[in-house]
Structures are given as C-alpha cells and as structure tokens.
C-alpha cells in the first residue's frame, strides 16, 4: 500500500513539473509578445498604413489639360494696393 501511494505521489509530481514547464514557456512567450507590442506602440500609428487604391494610367496629354484647368486665367478687375 505504501508503495502505490509513493508511485501516485511521484506521478503527480511529474505532472506538476510538466505543467510548470508549460507555464514557464508560456510566460516567456507572453513577455516577448508584450515587448513587441510596446515597441510597436512607440512607432507612428500611420507607419503601417498602406495606400491600396488603384489609379488609372496617366497620359502626358491629360497632364497638360489638367494644368490648364488647375490654373485658369482670371480677368480680375481688382486693383493691387
């Protein structure tokens, strides 16, 4: 009877030892994750933002037409002071 009791205790000690090993590795992983998170929080929040919009190809003729539209000639009757 004493022998079976000791075997049971030894089995429980091994299980607890395995659990402690898993907990230790989880703590190390969590610490690394928190350090990575802290590092990312120090960076500019827009640093990871990417512009995924697509634009149509531009032609030189479109550029010239766009320039004339952007800067229209004004006939102003205002006087300069």
PDB file of N, CA and C in Angstrom:
ATOM      1  N   UNK A   1       0.819  -1.189   0.000  1.00  0.00           N
ATOM      2  CA  UNK A   1       0.000   0.000   0.000  1.00  0.00           C
ATOM      3  C   UNK A   1       0.866   1.257   0.000  1.00  0.00           C
ATOM      4  N   UNK A   2       1.916   1.287   0.807  1.00  0.00           N
ATOM      5  CA  UNK A   2       2.809   2.445   0.856  1.00  0.00           C
ATOM      6  C   UNK A   2       3.485   2.661  -0.482  1.00  0.00           C
ATOM      7  N   UNK A   3       3.773   1.552  -1.174  1.00  0.00           N
ATOM      8  CA  UNK A   3       4.442   1.653  -2.474  1.00  0.00           C
ATOM      9  C   UNK A   3       3.518   2.310  -3.508  1.00  0.00           C
ATOM     10  N   UNK A   4       2.254   1.920  -3.554  1.00  0.00           N
ATOM     11  CA  UNK A   4       1.306   2.522  -4.502  1.00  0.00           C
ATOM     12  C   UNK A   4       1.083   4.004  -4.178  1.00  0.00           C
ATOM     13  N   UNK A   5       1.085   4.342  -2.904  1.00  0.00           N
ATOM     14  CA  UNK A   5       0.946   5.747  -2.507  1.00  0.00           C
ATOM     15  C   UNK A   5       2.128   6.566  -3.036  1.00  0.00           C
ATOM     16  N   UNK A   6       3.343   6.031  -2.885  1.00  0.00           N
ATOM     17  CA  UNK A   6       4.537   6.736  -3.361  1.00  0.00           C
ATOM     18  C   UNK A   6       4.553   6.857  -4.887  1.00  0.00           C
ATOM     19  N   UNK A   7       4.094   5.805  -5.577  1.00  0.00           N
ATOM     20  CA  UNK A   7       4.012   5.865  -7.046  1.00  0.00           C
ATOM     21  C   UNK A   7       3.019   6.935  -7.486  1.00  0.00           C
ATOM     22  N   UNK A   8       1.895   7.004  -6.808  1.00  0.00           N
ATOM     23  CA  UNK A   8       0.893   8.031  -7.121  1.00  0.00           C
ATOM     24  C   UNK A   8       1.460   9.425  -6.891  1.00  0.00           C
ATOM     25  N   UNK A   9       2.174   9.603  -5.793  1.00  0.00           N
ATOM     26  CA  UNK A   9       2.774  10.903  -5.499  1.00  0.00           C
ATOM     27  C   UNK A   9       3.825  11.264  -6.552  1.00  0.00           C
ATOM     28  N   UNK A  10       4.621  10.298  -6.962  1.00  0.00           N
ATOM     29  CA  UNK A  10       5.634  10.521  -7.985  1.00  0.00           C
ATOM     30  C   UNK A  10       4.983  10.913  -9.314  1.00  0.00           C
ATOM     31  N   UNK A  11       3.891  10.255  -9.681  1.00  0.00           N
ATOM     32  CA  UNK A  11       3.157  10.593 -10.907  1.00  0.00           C
ATOM     33  C   UNK A  11       2.626  12.023 -10.844  1.00  0.00           C
ATOM     34  N   UNK A  12       2.059  12.397  -9.703  1.00  0.00           N
ATOM     35  CA  UNK A  12       1.521  13.750  -9.534  1.00  0.00           C
ATOM     36  C   UNK A  12       2.632  14.798  -9.601  1.00  0.00           C
ATOM     37  N   UNK A  13       3.779  14.481  -9.034  1.00  0.00           N
ATOM     38  CA  UNK A  13       4.921  15.414  -9.077  1.00  0.00           C
ATOM     39  C   UNK A  13       5.388  15.605 -10.523  1.00  0.00           C
ATOM     40  N   UNK A  14       5.446  14.529 -11.287  1.00  0.00           N
ATOM     41  CA  UNK A  14       5.847  14.633 -12.704  1.00  0.00           C
ATOM     42  C   UNK A  14       4.851  15.485 -13.486  1.00  0.00           C
ATOM     43  N   UNK A  15       3.556  15.260 -13.262  1.00  0.00           N
ATOM     44  CA  UNK A  15       2.527  16.055 -13.952  1.00  0.00           C
ATOM     45  C   UNK A  15       2.661  17.534 -13.605  1.00  0.00           C
ATOM     46  N   UNK A  16       2.869  17.816 -12.337  1.00  0.00           N
ATOM     47  CA  UNK A  16       3.019  19.216 -11.916  1.00  0.00           C
ATOM     48  C   UNK A  16       4.285  19.834 -12.513  1.00  0.00           C
ATOM     49  N   UNK A  17       5.335  19.049 -12.619  1.00  0.00           N
ATOM     50  CA  UNK A  17       6.575  19.531 -13.209  1.00  0.00           C
ATOM     51  C   UNK A  17       6.363  19.876 -14.690  1.00  0.00           C
ATOM     52  N   UNK A  18       5.626  19.025 -15.409  1.00  0.00           N
ATOM     53  CA  UNK A  18       5.309  19.298 -16.816  1.00  0.00           C
ATOM     54  C   UNK A  18       4.452  20.566 -16.941  1.00  0.00           C
ATOM     55  N   UNK A  19       3.487  20.708 -16.042  1.00  0.00           N
ATOM     56  CA  UNK A  19       2.652  21.905 -16.065  1.00  0.00           C
ATOM     57  C   UNK A  19       3.490  23.162 -15.830  1.00  0.00           C
ATOM     58  N   UNK A  20       4.418  23.083 -14.890  1.00  0.00           N
ATOM     59  CA  UNK A  20       5.282  24.236 -14.599  1.00  0.00           C
ATOM     60  C   UNK A  20       6.165  24.572 -15.804  1.00  0.00           C
ATOM     61  N   UNK A  21       6.637  23.561 -16.506  1.00  0.00           N
ATOM     62  CA  UNK A  21       7.440  23.796 -17.712  1.00  0.00           C
ATOM     63  C   UNK A  21       6.611  24.514 -18.775  1.00  0.00           C
ATOM     64  N   UNK A  22       5.374  24.064 -18.959  1.00  0.00           N
ATOM     65  CA  UNK A  22       4.496  24.725 -19.935  1.00  0.00           C
ATOM     66  C   UNK A  22       4.212  26.164 -19.527  1.00  0.00           C
ATOM     67  N   UNK A  23       3.948  26.377 -18.250  1.00  0.00           N
ATOM     68  CA  UNK A  23       3.667  27.736 -17.764  1.00  0.00           C
ATOM     69  C   UNK A  23       4.879  28.630 -17.979  1.00  0.00           C
ATOM     70  N   UNK A  24       6.067  28.116 -17.691  1.00  0.00           N
ATOM     71  CA  UNK A  24       7.289  28.896 -17.871  1.00  0.00           C
ATOM     72  C   UNK A  24       7.480  29.289 -19.331  1.00  0.00           C
ATOM     73  N   UNK A  25       7.243  28.355 -20.246  1.00  0.00           N
ATOM     74  CA  UNK A  25       7.393  28.683 -21.672  1.00  0.00           C
ATOM     75  C   UNK A  25       6.313  29.673 -22.117  1.00  0.00           C
ATOM     76  N   UNK A  26       5.098  29.538 -21.578  1.00  0.00           N
ATOM     77  CA  UNK A  26       4.034  30.491 -21.913  1.00  0.00           C
ATOM     78  C   UNK A  26       4.360  31.890 -21.401  1.00  0.00           C
ATOM     79  N   UNK A  27       4.957  31.973 -20.213  1.00  0.00           N
ATOM     80  CA  UNK A  27       5.327  33.272 -19.655  1.00  0.00           C
ATOM     81  C   UNK A  27       6.395  33.919 -20.525  1.00  0.00           C
ATOM     82  N   UNK A  28       7.374  33.138 -20.970  1.00  0.00           N
ATOM     83  CA  UNK A  28       8.425  33.683 -21.834  1.00  0.00           C
ATOM     84  C   UNK A  28       7.831  34.184 -23.148  1.00  0.00           C
ATOM     85  N   UNK A  29       6.914  33.425 -23.718  1.00  0.00           N
ATOM     86  CA  UNK A  29       6.259  33.823 -24.970  1.00  0.00           C
ATOM     87  C   UNK A  29       5.448  35.101 -24.778  1.00  0.00           C
ATOM     88  N   UNK A  30       4.725  35.165 -23.672  1.00  0.00           N
ATOM     89  CA  UNK A  30       3.920  36.345 -23.377  1.00  0.00           C
ATOM     90  C   UNK A  30       4.803  37.578 -23.170  1.00  0.00           C
ATOM     91  N   UNK A  31       5.928  37.395 -22.493  1.00  0.00           N
ATOM     92  CA  UNK A  31       6.851  38.514 -22.280  1.00  0.00           C
ATOM     93  C   UNK A  31       7.385  39.037 -23.612  1.00  0.00           C
ATOM     94  N   UNK A  32       7.731  38.120 -24.507  1.00  0.00           N
ATOM     95  CA  UNK A  32       8.200  38.539 -25.835  1.00  0.00           C
ATOM     96  C   UNK A  32       7.105  39.278 -26.595  1.00  0.00           C
ATOM     97  N   UNK A  33       5.899  38.788 -26.511  1.00  0.00           N
ATOM     98  CA  UNK A  33       4.773  39.431 -27.199  1.00  0.00           C
ATOM     99  C   UNK A  33       4.516  40.832 -26.637  1.00  0.00           C
ATOM    100  N   UNK A  34       4.577  40.976 -25.327  1.00  0.00           N
ATOM    101  CA  UNK A  34       4.385  42.296 -24.714  1.00  0.00           C
ATOM    102  C   UNK A  34       5.494  43.260 -25.120  1.00  0.00           C
ATOM    103  N   UNK A  35       6.725  42.784 -25.190  1.00  0.00           N
ATOM    104  CA  UNK A  35       7.840  43.636 -25.616  1.00  0.00           C
ATOM    105  C   UNK A  35       7.637  44.088 -27.056  1.00  0.00           C
ATOM    106  N   UNK A  36       7.200  43.176 -27.936  1.00  0.00           N
ATOM    107  CA  UNK A  36       6.915  43.535 -29.324  1.00  0.00           C
ATOM    108  C   UNK A  36       5.786  44.562 -29.394  1.00  0.00           C
ATOM    109  N   UNK A  37       4.767  44.358 -28.589  1.00  0.00           N
ATOM    110  CA  UNK A  37       3.631  45.275 -28.556  1.00  0.00           C
ATOM    111  C   UNK A  37       4.060  46.668 -28.102  1.00  0.00           C
ATOM    112  N   UNK A  38       4.891  46.725 -27.061  1.00  0.00           N
ATOM    113  CA  UNK A  38       5.404  48.013 -26.572  1.00  0.00           C
ATOM    114  C   UNK A  38       6.201  48.720 -27.649  1.00  0.00           C
ATOM    115  N   UNK A  39       7.023  47.968 -28.371  1.00  0.00           N
ATOM    116  CA  UNK A  39       7.841  48.548 -29.430  1.00  0.00           C
ATOM    117  C   UNK A  39       6.963  49.113 -30.538  1.00  0.00           C
ATOM    118  N   UNK A  40       5.924  48.384 -30.909  1.00  0.00           N
ATOM    119  CA  UNK A  40       5.024  48.858 -31.958  1.00  0.00           C
ATOM    120  C   UNK A  40       4.236  50.088 -31.521  1.00  0.00           C
ATOM    121  N   UNK A  41       3.927  50.180 -30.242  1.00  0.00           N
ATOM    122  CA  UNK A  41       3.159  51.329 -29.771  1.00  0.00           C
ATOM    123  C   UNK A  41       4.002  52.606 -29.782  1.00  0.00           C
ATOM    124  N   UNK A  42       5.316  52.463 -29.785  1.00  0.00           N
ATOM    125  CA  UNK A  42       6.191  53.640 -29.845  1.00  0.00           C
ATOM    126  C   UNK A  42       6.306  54.184 -31.255  1.00  0.00           C
ATOM    127  N   UNK A  43       5.961  53.394 -32.249  1.00  0.00           N
ATOM    128  CA  UNK A  43       6.072  53.824 -33.632  1.00  0.00           C
ATOM    129  C   UNK A  43       4.873  54.689 -34.007  1.00  0.00           C
ATOM    130  N   UNK A  44       5.044  55.382 -35.127  1.00  0.00           N
ATOM    131  CA  UNK A  44       3.976  56.214 -35.661  1.00  0.00           C
ATOM    132  C   UNK A  44       2.788  55.325 -36.033  1.00  0.00           C
ATOM    133  N   UNK A  45       1.577  55.642 -35.584  1.00  0.00           N
ATOM    134  CA  UNK A  45       0.439  54.766 -35.866  1.00  0.00           C
ATOM    135  C   UNK A  45       0.131  54.639 -37.358  1.00  0.00           C
ATOM    136  N   UNK A  46       0.539  55.610 -38.159  1.00  0.00           N
ATOM    137  CA  UNK A  46       0.257  55.539 -39.591  1.00  0.00           C
ATOM    138  C   UNK A  46       1.365  54.845 -40.367  1.00  0.00           C
ATOM    139  N   UNK A  47       2.407  54.425 -39.686  1.00  0.00           N
ATOM    140  CA  UNK A  47       3.538  53.799 -40.356  1.00  0.00           C
ATOM    141  C   UNK A  47       3.135  52.506 -41.061  1.00  0.00           C
ATOM    142  N   UNK A  48       2.204  51.782 -40.505  1.00  0.00           N
ATOM    143  CA  UNK A  48       1.790  50.511 -41.083  1.00  0.00           C
ATOM    144  C   UNK A  48       0.659  50.661 -42.096  1.00  0.00           C
ATOM    145  N   UNK A  49       0.141  51.870 -42.298  1.00  0.00           N
ATOM    146  CA  UNK A  49      -0.975  52.081 -43.215  1.00  0.00           C
ATOM    147  C   UNK A  49      -0.446  52.089 -44.643  1.00  0.00           C
ATOM    148  N   UNK A  50      -1.090  51.363 -45.504  1.00  0.00           N
ATOM    149  CA  UNK A  50      -0.700  51.300 -46.909  1.00  0.00           C
ATOM    150  C   UNK A  50      -1.846  51.830 -47.766  1.00  0.00           C
ATOM    151  N   UNK A  51      -1.491  52.569 -48.817  1.00  0.00           N
ATOM    152  CA  UNK A  51      -2.482  53.069 -49.756  1.00  0.00           C
ATOM    153  C   UNK A  51      -2.714  51.979 -50.798  1.00  0.00           C
ATOM    154  N   UNK A  52      -3.874  51.364 -50.775  1.00  0.00           N
ATOM    155  CA  UNK A  52      -4.170  50.256 -51.671  1.00  0.00           C
ATOM    156  C   UNK A  52      -5.082  50.672 -52.824  1.00  0.00           C
ATOM    157  N   UNK A  53      -5.282  51.973 -52.971  1.00  0.00           N
ATOM    158  CA  UNK A  53      -6.125  52.441 -54.068  1.00  0.00           C
ATOM    159  C   UNK A  53      -5.404  52.241 -55.397  1.00  0.00           C
ATOM    160  N   UNK A  54      -6.179  52.023 -56.436  1.00  0.00           N
ATOM    161  CA  UNK A  54      -5.596  51.905 -57.775  1.00  0.00           C
ATOM    162  C   UNK A  54      -5.939  53.164 -58.550  1.00  0.00           C
ATOM    163  N   UNK A  55      -4.995  53.615 -59.329  1.00  0.00           N
ATOM    164  CA  UNK A  55      -5.175  54.826 -60.117  1.00  0.00           C
ATOM    165  C   UNK A  55      -5.053  54.464 -61.591  1.00  0.00           C
ATOM    166  N   UNK A  56      -5.838  55.132 -62.447  1.00  0.00           N
ATOM    167  CA  UNK A  56      -5.713  54.868 -63.884  1.00  0.00           C
ATOM    168  C   UNK A  56      -4.368  55.396 -64.381  1.00  0.00           C
ATOM    169  N   UNK A  57      -3.833  54.818 -65.458  1.00  0.00           N
ATOM    170  CA  UNK A  57      -2.558  55.314 -66.001  1.00  0.00           C
ATOM    171  C   UNK A  57      -2.693  56.758 -66.467  1.00  0.00           C
ATOM    172  N   UNK A  58      -1.625  57.506 -66.304  1.00  0.00           N
ATOM    173  CA  UNK A  58      -1.664  58.930 -66.674  1.00  0.00           C
ATOM    174  C   UNK A  58      -0.994  59.130 -68.022  1.00  0.00           C
ATOM    175  N   UNK A  59      -1.580  59.991 -68.831  1.00  0.00           N
ATOM    176  CA  UNK A  59      -1.011  60.359 -70.132  1.00  0.00           C
ATOM    177  C   UNK A  59      -0.487  61.775 -70.043  1.00  0.00           C
ATOM    178  N   UNK A  60       0.494  62.092 -70.884  1.00  0.00           N
ATOM    179  CA  UNK A  60       1.035  63.455 -70.871  1.00  0.00           C
ATOM    180  C   UNK A  60      -0.020  64.465 -71.314  1.00  0.00           C
ATOM    181  N   UNK A  61      -0.880  64.073 -72.257  1.00  0.00           N
ATOM    182  CA  UNK A  61      -1.915  65.000 -72.717  1.00  0.00           C
ATOM    183  C   UNK A  61      -2.884  65.318 -71.582  1.00  0.00           C
ATOM    184  N   UNK A  62      -3.156  64.321 -70.718  1.00  0.00           N
ATOM    185  CA  UNK A  62      -4.022  64.557 -69.565  1.00  0.00           C
ATOM    186  C   UNK A  62      -3.360  65.520 -68.598  1.00  0.00           C
ATOM    187  N   UNK A  63      -2.032  65.408 -68.443  1.00  0.00           N
ATOM    188  CA  UNK A  63      -1.309  66.281 -67.532  1.00  0.00           C
ATOM    189  C   UNK A  63      -1.387  67.735 -68.002  1.00  0.00           C
ATOM    190  N   UNK A  64      -1.207  67.930 -69.290  1.00  0.00           N
ATOM    191  CA  UNK A  64      -1.246  69.307 -69.823  1.00  0.00           C
ATOM    192  C   UNK A  64      -2.652  69.897 -69.681  1.00  0.00           C
ATOM    193  N   UNK A  65      -3.642  69.089 -69.954  1.00  0.00           N
ATOM    194  CA  UNK A  65      -5.024  69.574 -69.831  1.00  0.00           C
ATOM    195  C   UNK A  65      -5.337  69.867 -68.369  1.00  0.00           C
ATOM    196  N   UNK A  66      -4.849  69.035 -67.490  1.00  0.00           N
ATOM    197  CA  UNK A  66      -5.088  69.237 -66.064  1.00  0.00           C
ATOM    198  C   UNK A  66      -4.431  70.501 -65.560  1.00  0.00           C
ATOM    199  N   UNK A  67      -3.250  70.831 -66.090  1.00  0.00           N
ATOM    200  CA  UNK A  67      -2.558  72.040 -65.648  1.00  0.00           C
ATOM    201  C   UNK A  67      -3.328  73.284 -66.049  1.00  0.00           C
ATOM    202  N   UNK A  68      -3.877  73.271 -67.266  1.00  0.00           N
ATOM    203  CA  UNK A  68      -4.621  74.454 -67.682  1.00  0.00           C
ATOM    204  C   UNK A  68      -5.903  74.597 -66.872  1.00  0.00           C
ATOM    205  N   UNK A  69      -6.478  73.499 -66.431  1.00  0.00           N
ATOM    206  CA  UNK A  69      -7.675  73.575 -65.619  1.00  0.00           C
ATOM    207  C   UNK A  69      -7.355  74.007 -64.187  1.00  0.00           C
ATOM    208  N   UNK A  70      -6.200  73.639 -63.718  1.00  0.00           N
ATOM    209  CA  UNK A  70      -5.844  73.983 -62.345  1.00  0.00           C
ATOM    210  C   UNK A  70      -5.540  75.468 -62.183  1.00  0.00           C
ATOM    211  N   UNK A  71      -4.991  76.084 -63.238  1.00  0.00           N
ATOM    212  CA  UNK A  71      -4.596  77.486 -63.155  1.00  0.00           C
ATOM    213  C   UNK A  71      -5.307  78.291 -64.244  1.00  0.00           C
ATOM    214  N   UNK A  72      -6.573  78.533 -64.064  1.00  0.00           N
ATOM    215  CA  UNK A  72      -7.300  79.273 -65.096  1.00  0.00           C
ATOM    216  C   UNK A  72      -6.856  80.739 -65.118  1.00  0.00           C
ATOM    217  N   UNK A  73      -6.914  81.301 -66.289  1.00  0.00           N
ATOM    218  CA  UNK A  73      -6.576  82.712 -66.438  1.00  0.00           C
ATOM    219  C   UNK A  73      -7.752  83.520 -65.916  1.00  0.00           C
ATOM    220  N   UNK A  74      -7.438  84.451 -65.067  1.00  0.00           N
ATOM    221  CA  UNK A  74      -8.501  85.258 -64.484  1.00  0.00           C
ATOM    222  C   UNK A  74      -8.400  86.693 -65.007  1.00  0.00           C
ATOM    223  N   UNK A  75      -9.510  87.187 -65.394  1.00  0.00           N
ATOM    224  CA  UNK A  75      -9.596  88.596 -65.742  1.00  0.00           C
ATOM    225  C   UNK A  75     -10.149  89.311 -64.536  1.00  0.00           C
ATOM    226  N   UNK A  76      -9.250  89.779 -63.725  1.00  0.00           N
ATOM    227  CA  UNK A  76      -9.678  90.387 -62.496  1.00  0.00           C
ATOM    228  C   UNK A  76      -9.656  91.901 -62.629  1.00  0.00           C
ATOM    229  N   UNK A  77     -10.677  92.510 -62.134  1.00  0.00           N
ATOM    230  CA  UNK A  77     -10.745  93.971 -62.183  1.00  0.00           C
ATOM    231  C   UNK A  77     -10.282  94.568 -60.860  1.00  0.00           C
ATOM    232  N   UNK A  78      -9.710  93.735 -60.017  1.00  0.00           N
ATOM    233  CA  UNK A  78      -9.256  94.251 -58.727  1.00  0.00           C
ATOM    234  C   UNK A  78      -7.985  95.053 -58.896  1.00  0.00           C
ATOM    235  N   UNK A  79      -7.872  96.052 -58.079  1.00  0.00           N
ATOM    236  CA  UNK A  79      -6.654  96.856 -58.075  1.00  0.00           C
ATOM    237  C   UNK A  79      -5.700  96.327 -57.022  1.00  0.00           C
ATOM    238  N   UNK A  80      -4.457  96.377 -57.350  1.00  0.00           N
ATOM    239  CA  UNK A  80      -3.452  95.994 -56.359  1.00  0.00           C
ATOM    240  C   UNK A  80      -3.183  97.168 -55.458  1.00  0.00           C
ATOM    241  N   UNK A  81      -3.002  96.923 -54.201  1.00  0.00           N
ATOM    242  CA  UNK A  81      -2.755  98.013 -53.266  1.00  0.00           C
ATOM    243  C   UNK A  81      -1.307  98.096 -52.918  1.00  0.00           C
TER     244      UNK A  81
END
